[in-house]
């Protein structure tokens, strides 16, 4: 099992830390590249979507949906 890795990122002008497993970081990077976006911009885009969960959970779901083509 992968141990989560914490990264700091600035979203909408404020710094936050996100902890995800390396596979999710890699998939997020791939997703951002596929949309011609930086990783930070892709995370900010996902953060701006309405949600009922944490940003970390929203990122995991976004990666899963992208991988599934939905």
PDB file of N, CA and C in Angstrom:
ATOM      1  N   UNK A   1       0.845  -1.181   0.000  1.00  0.00           N
ATOM      2  CA  UNK A   1       0.000   0.000   0.000  1.00  0.00           C
ATOM      3  C   UNK A   1       0.888   1.241   0.000  1.00  0.00           C
ATOM      4  N   UNK A   2       0.511   2.202  -0.783  1.00  0.00           N
ATOM      5  CA  UNK A   2       1.287   3.442  -0.893  1.00  0.00           C
ATOM      6  C   UNK A   2       1.023   4.359   0.295  1.00  0.00           C
ATOM      7  N   UNK A   3       2.071   4.990   0.744  1.00  0.00           N
ATOM      8  CA  UNK A   3       1.935   5.974   1.811  1.00  0.00           C
ATOM      9  C   UNK A   3       1.645   7.336   1.175  1.00  0.00           C
ATOM     10  N   UNK A   4       0.632   8.063   1.681  1.00  0.00           N
ATOM     11  CA  UNK A   4       0.327   9.379   1.114  1.00  0.00           C
ATOM     12  C   UNK A   4       1.518  10.340   1.211  1.00  0.00           C
ATOM     13  N   UNK A   5       1.614  11.191   0.212  1.00  0.00           N
ATOM     14  CA  UNK A   5       2.643  12.227   0.151  1.00  0.00           C
ATOM     15  C   UNK A   5       1.946  13.575   0.241  1.00  0.00           C
ATOM     16  N   UNK A   6       2.458  14.440   1.111  1.00  0.00           N
ATOM     17  CA  UNK A   6       1.856  15.756   1.299  1.00  0.00           C
ATOM     18  C   UNK A   6       2.579  16.768   0.425  1.00  0.00           C
ATOM     19  N   UNK A   7       1.788  17.595  -0.261  1.00  0.00           N
ATOM     20  CA  UNK A   7       2.338  18.689  -1.069  1.00  0.00           C
ATOM     21  C   UNK A   7       1.613  19.975  -0.708  1.00  0.00           C
ATOM     22  N   UNK A   8       2.344  21.066  -0.779  1.00  0.00           N
ATOM     23  CA  UNK A   8       1.742  22.385  -0.568  1.00  0.00           C
ATOM     24  C   UNK A   8       1.423  22.991  -1.915  1.00  0.00           C
ATOM     25  N   UNK A   9       0.269  23.641  -1.989  1.00  0.00           N
ATOM     26  CA  UNK A   9      -0.170  24.252  -3.232  1.00  0.00           C
ATOM     27  C   UNK A   9      -0.952  25.519  -2.892  1.00  0.00           C
ATOM     28  N   UNK A  10      -0.901  26.491  -3.784  1.00  0.00           N
ATOM     29  CA  UNK A  10      -1.655  27.724  -3.594  1.00  0.00           C
ATOM     30  C   UNK A  10      -2.889  27.686  -4.480  1.00  0.00           C
ATOM     31  N   UNK A  11      -4.047  27.851  -3.854  1.00  0.00           N
ATOM     32  CA  UNK A  11      -5.323  27.859  -4.560  1.00  0.00           C
ATOM     33  C   UNK A  11      -6.037  29.156  -4.210  1.00  0.00           C
ATOM     34  N   UNK A  12      -6.396  29.902  -5.222  1.00  0.00           N
ATOM     35  CA  UNK A  12      -7.110  31.170  -5.035  1.00  0.00           C
ATOM     36  C   UNK A  12      -6.383  32.081  -4.047  1.00  0.00           C
ATOM     37  N   UNK A  13      -5.075  32.084  -4.136  1.00  0.00           N
ATOM     38  CA  UNK A  13      -4.277  32.992  -3.324  1.00  0.00           C
ATOM     39  C   UNK A  13      -3.970  32.529  -1.918  1.00  0.00           C
ATOM     40  N   UNK A  14      -4.407  31.333  -1.536  1.00  0.00           N
ATOM     41  CA  UNK A  14      -4.049  30.853  -0.205  1.00  0.00           C
ATOM     42  C   UNK A  14      -3.398  29.475  -0.286  1.00  0.00           C
ATOM     43  N   UNK A  15      -2.427  29.272   0.591  1.00  0.00           N
ATOM     44  CA  UNK A  15      -1.675  28.017   0.604  1.00  0.00           C
ATOM     45  C   UNK A  15      -2.462  26.945   1.351  1.00  0.00           C
ATOM     46  N   UNK A  16      -2.389  25.739   0.846  1.00  0.00           N
ATOM     47  CA  UNK A  16      -3.009  24.596   1.504  1.00  0.00           C
ATOM     48  C   UNK A  16      -2.131  23.370   1.273  1.00  0.00           C
ATOM     49  N   UNK A  17      -2.296  22.368   2.097  1.00  0.00           N
ATOM     50  CA  UNK A  17      -1.569  21.113   1.939  1.00  0.00           C
ATOM     51  C   UNK A  17      -2.541  20.030   1.518  1.00  0.00           C
ATOM     52  N   UNK A  18      -2.081  19.202   0.600  1.00  0.00           N
ATOM     53  CA  UNK A  18      -2.893  18.094   0.111  1.00  0.00           C
ATOM     54  C   UNK A  18      -2.074  16.825   0.268  1.00  0.00           C
ATOM     55  N   UNK A  19      -2.689  15.803   0.823  1.00  0.00           N
ATOM     56  CA  UNK A  19      -2.021  14.526   1.036  1.00  0.00           C
ATOM     57  C   UNK A  19      -2.704  13.454   0.188  1.00  0.00           C
ATOM     58  N   UNK A  20      -1.965  12.938  -0.786  1.00  0.00           N
ATOM     59  CA  UNK A  20      -2.472  11.891  -1.680  1.00  0.00           C
ATOM     60  C   UNK A  20      -1.394  10.839  -1.901  1.00  0.00           C
ATOM     61  N   UNK A  21      -1.819   9.648  -2.243  1.00  0.00           N
ATOM     62  CA  UNK A  21      -0.891   8.593  -2.599  1.00  0.00           C
ATOM     63  C   UNK A  21      -0.188   8.948  -3.904  1.00  0.00           C
ATOM     64  N   UNK A  22       1.073   8.494  -4.076  1.00  0.00           N
ATOM     65  CA  UNK A  22       1.823   8.819  -5.293  1.00  0.00           C
ATOM     66  C   UNK A  22       1.092   8.472  -6.590  1.00  0.00           C
ATOM     67  N   UNK A  23       0.329   7.408  -6.607  1.00  0.00           N
ATOM     68  CA  UNK A  23      -0.423   7.052  -7.823  1.00  0.00           C
ATOM     69  C   UNK A  23      -1.451   8.116  -8.178  1.00  0.00           C
ATOM     70  N   UNK A  24      -2.078   8.708  -7.170  1.00  0.00           N
ATOM     71  CA  UNK A  24      -3.042   9.780  -7.433  1.00  0.00           C
ATOM     72  C   UNK A  24      -2.335  11.047  -7.901  1.00  0.00           C
ATOM     73  N   UNK A  25      -1.166  11.358  -7.307  1.00  0.00           N
ATOM     74  CA  UNK A  25      -0.410  12.527  -7.792  1.00  0.00           C
ATOM     75  C   UNK A  25      -0.031  12.336  -9.256  1.00  0.00           C
ATOM     76  N   UNK A  26       0.413  11.131  -9.613  1.00  0.00           N
ATOM     77  CA  UNK A  26       0.806  10.857 -11.001  1.00  0.00           C
ATOM     78  C   UNK A  26      -0.396  10.972 -11.936  1.00  0.00           C
ATOM     79  N   UNK A  27      -1.534  10.416 -11.518  1.00  0.00           N
ATOM     80  CA  UNK A  27      -2.733  10.483 -12.353  1.00  0.00           C
ATOM     81  C   UNK A  27      -3.223  11.923 -12.494  1.00  0.00           C
ATOM     82  N   UNK A  28      -3.157  12.702 -11.411  1.00  0.00           N
ATOM     83  CA  UNK A  28      -3.544  14.116 -11.503  1.00  0.00           C
ATOM     84  C   UNK A  28      -2.648  14.863 -12.476  1.00  0.00           C
ATOM     85  N   UNK A  29      -1.359  14.571 -12.439  1.00  0.00           N
ATOM     86  CA  UNK A  29      -0.421  15.203 -13.381  1.00  0.00           C
ATOM     87  C   UNK A  29      -0.758  14.821 -14.814  1.00  0.00           C
ATOM     88  N   UNK A  30      -1.082  13.550 -15.031  1.00  0.00           N
ATOM     89  CA  UNK A  30      -1.480  13.094 -16.370  1.00  0.00           C
ATOM     90  C   UNK A  30      -2.766  13.775 -16.817  1.00  0.00           C
ATOM     91  N   UNK A  31      -3.714  13.895 -15.903  1.00  0.00           N
ATOM     92  CA  UNK A  31      -4.985  14.539 -16.214  1.00  0.00           C
ATOM     93  C   UNK A  31      -4.765  16.000 -16.569  1.00  0.00           C
ATOM     94  N   UNK A  32      -3.940  16.686 -15.801  1.00  0.00           N
ATOM     95  CA  UNK A  32      -3.646  18.094 -16.083  1.00  0.00           C
ATOM     96  C   UNK A  32      -2.988  18.229 -17.452  1.00  0.00           C
ATOM     97  N   UNK A  33      -2.009  17.382 -17.737  1.00  0.00           N
ATOM     98  CA  UNK A  33      -1.314  17.434 -19.028  1.00  0.00           C
ATOM     99  C   UNK A  33      -2.278  17.166 -20.182  1.00  0.00           C
ATOM    100  N   UNK A  34      -3.204  16.239 -19.982  1.00  0.00           N
ATOM    101  CA  UNK A  34      -4.187  15.922 -21.031  1.00  0.00           C
ATOM    102  C   UNK A  34      -5.105  17.105 -21.332  1.00  0.00           C
ATOM    103  N   UNK A  35      -5.250  17.994 -20.361  1.00  0.00           N
ATOM    104  CA  UNK A  35      -6.079  19.187 -20.544  1.00  0.00           C
ATOM    105  C   UNK A  35      -5.232  20.442 -20.759  1.00  0.00           C
ATOM    106  N   UNK A  36      -3.948  20.246 -21.035  1.00  0.00           N
ATOM    107  CA  UNK A  36      -3.014  21.364 -21.257  1.00  0.00           C
ATOM    108  C   UNK A  36      -3.040  22.370 -20.106  1.00  0.00           C
ATOM    109  N   UNK A  37      -3.040  21.849 -18.891  1.00  0.00           N
ATOM    110  CA  UNK A  37      -3.084  22.681 -17.692  1.00  0.00           C
ATOM    111  C   UNK A  37      -1.930  22.312 -16.773  1.00  0.00           C
ATOM    112  N   UNK A  38      -1.564  23.245 -15.919  1.00  0.00           N
ATOM    113  CA  UNK A  38      -0.607  22.915 -14.872  1.00  0.00           C
ATOM    114  C   UNK A  38      -1.337  22.100 -13.805  1.00  0.00           C
ATOM    115  N   UNK A  39      -0.578  21.385 -13.001  1.00  0.00           N
ATOM    116  CA  UNK A  39      -1.168  20.616 -11.909  1.00  0.00           C
ATOM    117  C   UNK A  39      -1.925  21.547 -10.968  1.00  0.00           C
ATOM    118  N   UNK A  40      -1.336  22.679 -10.636  1.00  0.00           N
ATOM    119  CA  UNK A  40      -1.984  23.635  -9.731  1.00  0.00           C
ATOM    120  C   UNK A  40      -3.299  24.145 -10.311  1.00  0.00           C
ATOM    121  N   UNK A  41      -3.319  24.430 -11.607  1.00  0.00           N
ATOM    122  CA  UNK A  41      -4.553  24.912 -12.239  1.00  0.00           C
ATOM    123  C   UNK A  41      -5.631  23.828 -12.264  1.00  0.00           C
ATOM    124  N   UNK A  42      -5.236  22.584 -12.501  1.00  0.00           N
ATOM    125  CA  UNK A  42      -6.208  21.489 -12.514  1.00  0.00           C
ATOM    126  C   UNK A  42      -6.798  21.287 -11.121  1.00  0.00           C
ATOM    127  N   UNK A  43      -5.952  21.349 -10.095  1.00  0.00           N
ATOM    128  CA  UNK A  43      -6.445  21.207  -8.722  1.00  0.00           C
ATOM    129  C   UNK A  43      -7.380  22.362  -8.376  1.00  0.00           C
ATOM    130  N   UNK A  44      -7.018  23.572  -8.775  1.00  0.00           N
ATOM    131  CA  UNK A  44      -7.876  24.731  -8.518  1.00  0.00           C
ATOM    132  C   UNK A  44      -9.221  24.572  -9.228  1.00  0.00           C
ATOM    133  N   UNK A  45      -9.219  24.041 -10.439  1.00  0.00           N
ATOM    134  CA  UNK A  45     -10.461  23.812 -11.173  1.00  0.00           C
ATOM    135  C   UNK A  45     -11.349  22.813 -10.429  1.00  0.00           C
ATOM    136  N   UNK A  46     -10.758  21.743  -9.960  1.00  0.00           N
ATOM    137  CA  UNK A  46     -11.516  20.732  -9.208  1.00  0.00           C
ATOM    138  C   UNK A  46     -12.009  21.326  -7.888  1.00  0.00           C
ATOM    139  N   UNK A  47     -11.174  22.125  -7.247  1.00  0.00           N
ATOM    140  CA  UNK A  47     -11.549  22.762  -5.982  1.00  0.00           C
ATOM    141  C   UNK A  47     -12.751  23.689  -6.153  1.00  0.00           C
ATOM    142  N   UNK A  48     -12.877  24.317  -7.319  1.00  0.00           N
ATOM    143  CA  UNK A  48     -13.954  25.276  -7.566  1.00  0.00           C
ATOM    144  C   UNK A  48     -15.306  24.604  -7.802  1.00  0.00           C
ATOM    145  N   UNK A  49     -15.310  23.308  -8.052  1.00  0.00           N
ATOM    146  CA  UNK A  49     -16.562  22.595  -8.302  1.00  0.00           C
ATOM    147  C   UNK A  49     -17.335  22.418  -6.991  1.00  0.00           C
ATOM    148  N   UNK A  50     -18.665  22.469  -7.066  1.00  0.00           N
ATOM    149  CA  UNK A  50     -19.461  22.195  -5.869  1.00  0.00           C
ATOM    150  C   UNK A  50     -19.189  20.766  -5.374  1.00  0.00           C
ATOM    151  N   UNK A  51     -19.131  20.609  -4.053  1.00  0.00           N
ATOM    152  CA  UNK A  51     -18.888  19.269  -3.509  1.00  0.00           C
ATOM    153  C   UNK A  51     -19.387  19.189  -2.072  1.00  0.00           C
ATOM    154  N   UNK A  52     -19.538  17.957  -1.627  1.00  0.00           N
ATOM    155  CA  UNK A  52     -19.964  17.683  -0.251  1.00  0.00           C
ATOM    156  C   UNK A  52     -18.891  16.917   0.506  1.00  0.00           C
ATOM    157  N   UNK A  53     -17.646  17.070   0.078  1.00  0.00           N
ATOM    158  CA  UNK A  53     -16.551  16.317   0.689  1.00  0.00           C
ATOM    159  C   UNK A  53     -15.295  17.183   0.719  1.00  0.00           C
ATOM    160  N   UNK A  54     -14.234  16.616   1.235  1.00  0.00           N
ATOM    161  CA  UNK A  54     -12.954  17.327   1.295  1.00  0.00           C
ATOM    162  C   UNK A  54     -12.350  17.467  -0.104  1.00  0.00           C
ATOM    163  N   UNK A  55     -11.403  18.369  -0.226  1.00  0.00           N
ATOM    164  CA  UNK A  55     -10.694  18.528  -1.499  1.00  0.00           C
ATOM    165  C   UNK A  55      -9.965  17.241  -1.858  1.00  0.00           C
ATOM    166  N   UNK A  56      -9.343  16.601  -0.891  1.00  0.00           N
ATOM    167  CA  UNK A  56      -8.622  15.352  -1.155  1.00  0.00           C
ATOM    168  C   UNK A  56      -9.553  14.306  -1.748  1.00  0.00           C
ATOM    169  N   UNK A  57     -10.723  14.162  -1.169  1.00  0.00           N
ATOM    170  CA  UNK A  57     -11.701  13.211  -1.688  1.00  0.00           C
ATOM    171  C   UNK A  57     -12.150  13.614  -3.085  1.00  0.00           C
ATOM    172  N   UNK A  58     -12.388  14.898  -3.294  1.00  0.00           N
ATOM    173  CA  UNK A  58     -12.801  15.385  -4.611  1.00  0.00           C
ATOM    174  C   UNK A  58     -11.726  15.099  -5.661  1.00  0.00           C
ATOM    175  N   UNK A  59     -10.468  15.226  -5.290  1.00  0.00           N
ATOM    176  CA  UNK A  59      -9.380  14.936  -6.228  1.00  0.00           C
ATOM    177  C   UNK A  59      -9.351  13.459  -6.584  1.00  0.00           C
ATOM    178  N   UNK A  60      -9.525  12.599  -5.595  1.00  0.00           N
ATOM    179  CA  UNK A  60      -9.539  11.158  -5.868  1.00  0.00           C
ATOM    180  C   UNK A  60     -10.694  10.786  -6.799  1.00  0.00           C
ATOM    181  N   UNK A  61     -11.874  11.347  -6.536  1.00  0.00           N
ATOM    182  CA  UNK A  61     -13.043  11.056  -7.375  1.00  0.00           C
ATOM    183  C   UNK A  61     -12.827  11.593  -8.790  1.00  0.00           C
ATOM    184  N   UNK A  62     -12.253  12.783  -8.919  1.00  0.00           N
ATOM    185  CA  UNK A  62     -11.978  13.351 -10.241  1.00  0.00           C
ATOM    186  C   UNK A  62     -11.025  12.460 -11.023  1.00  0.00           C
ATOM    187  N   UNK A  63      -9.998  11.956 -10.371  1.00  0.00           N
ATOM    188  CA  UNK A  63      -9.051  11.051 -11.031  1.00  0.00           C
ATOM    189  C   UNK A  63      -9.770   9.776 -11.462  1.00  0.00           C
ATOM    190  N   UNK A  64     -10.568   9.212 -10.570  1.00  0.00           N
ATOM    191  CA  UNK A  64     -11.295   7.997 -10.899  1.00  0.00           C
ATOM    192  C   UNK A  64     -12.231   8.200 -12.086  1.00  0.00           C
ATOM    193  N   UNK A  65     -12.983   9.293 -12.063  1.00  0.00           N
ATOM    194  CA  UNK A  65     -13.898   9.577 -13.180  1.00  0.00           C
ATOM    195  C   UNK A  65     -13.139   9.795 -14.480  1.00  0.00           C
ATOM    196  N   UNK A  66     -12.021  10.488 -14.418  1.00  0.00           N
ATOM    197  CA  UNK A  66     -11.209  10.716 -15.617  1.00  0.00           C
ATOM    198  C   UNK A  66     -10.675   9.392 -16.162  1.00  0.00           C
ATOM    199  N   UNK A  67     -10.199   8.523 -15.273  1.00  0.00           N
ATOM    200  CA  UNK A  67      -9.651   7.233 -15.691  1.00  0.00           C
ATOM    201  C   UNK A  67     -10.742   6.345 -16.307  1.00  0.00           C
ATOM    202  N   UNK A  68     -11.951   6.491 -15.807  1.00  0.00           N
ATOM    203  CA  UNK A  68     -13.073   5.703 -16.307  1.00  0.00           C
ATOM    204  C   UNK A  68     -13.702   6.321 -17.549  1.00  0.00           C
ATOM    205  N   UNK A  69     -13.271   7.538 -17.882  1.00  0.00           N
ATOM    206  CA  UNK A  69     -13.812   8.211 -19.060  1.00  0.00           C
ATOM    207  C   UNK A  69     -15.185   8.808 -18.832  1.00  0.00           C
ATOM    208  N   UNK A  70     -15.502   9.093 -17.572  1.00  0.00           N
ATOM    209  CA  UNK A  70     -16.819   9.687 -17.265  1.00  0.00           C
ATOM    210  C   UNK A  70     -16.688  11.100 -16.776  1.00  0.00           C
TER     211      UNK A  70
END
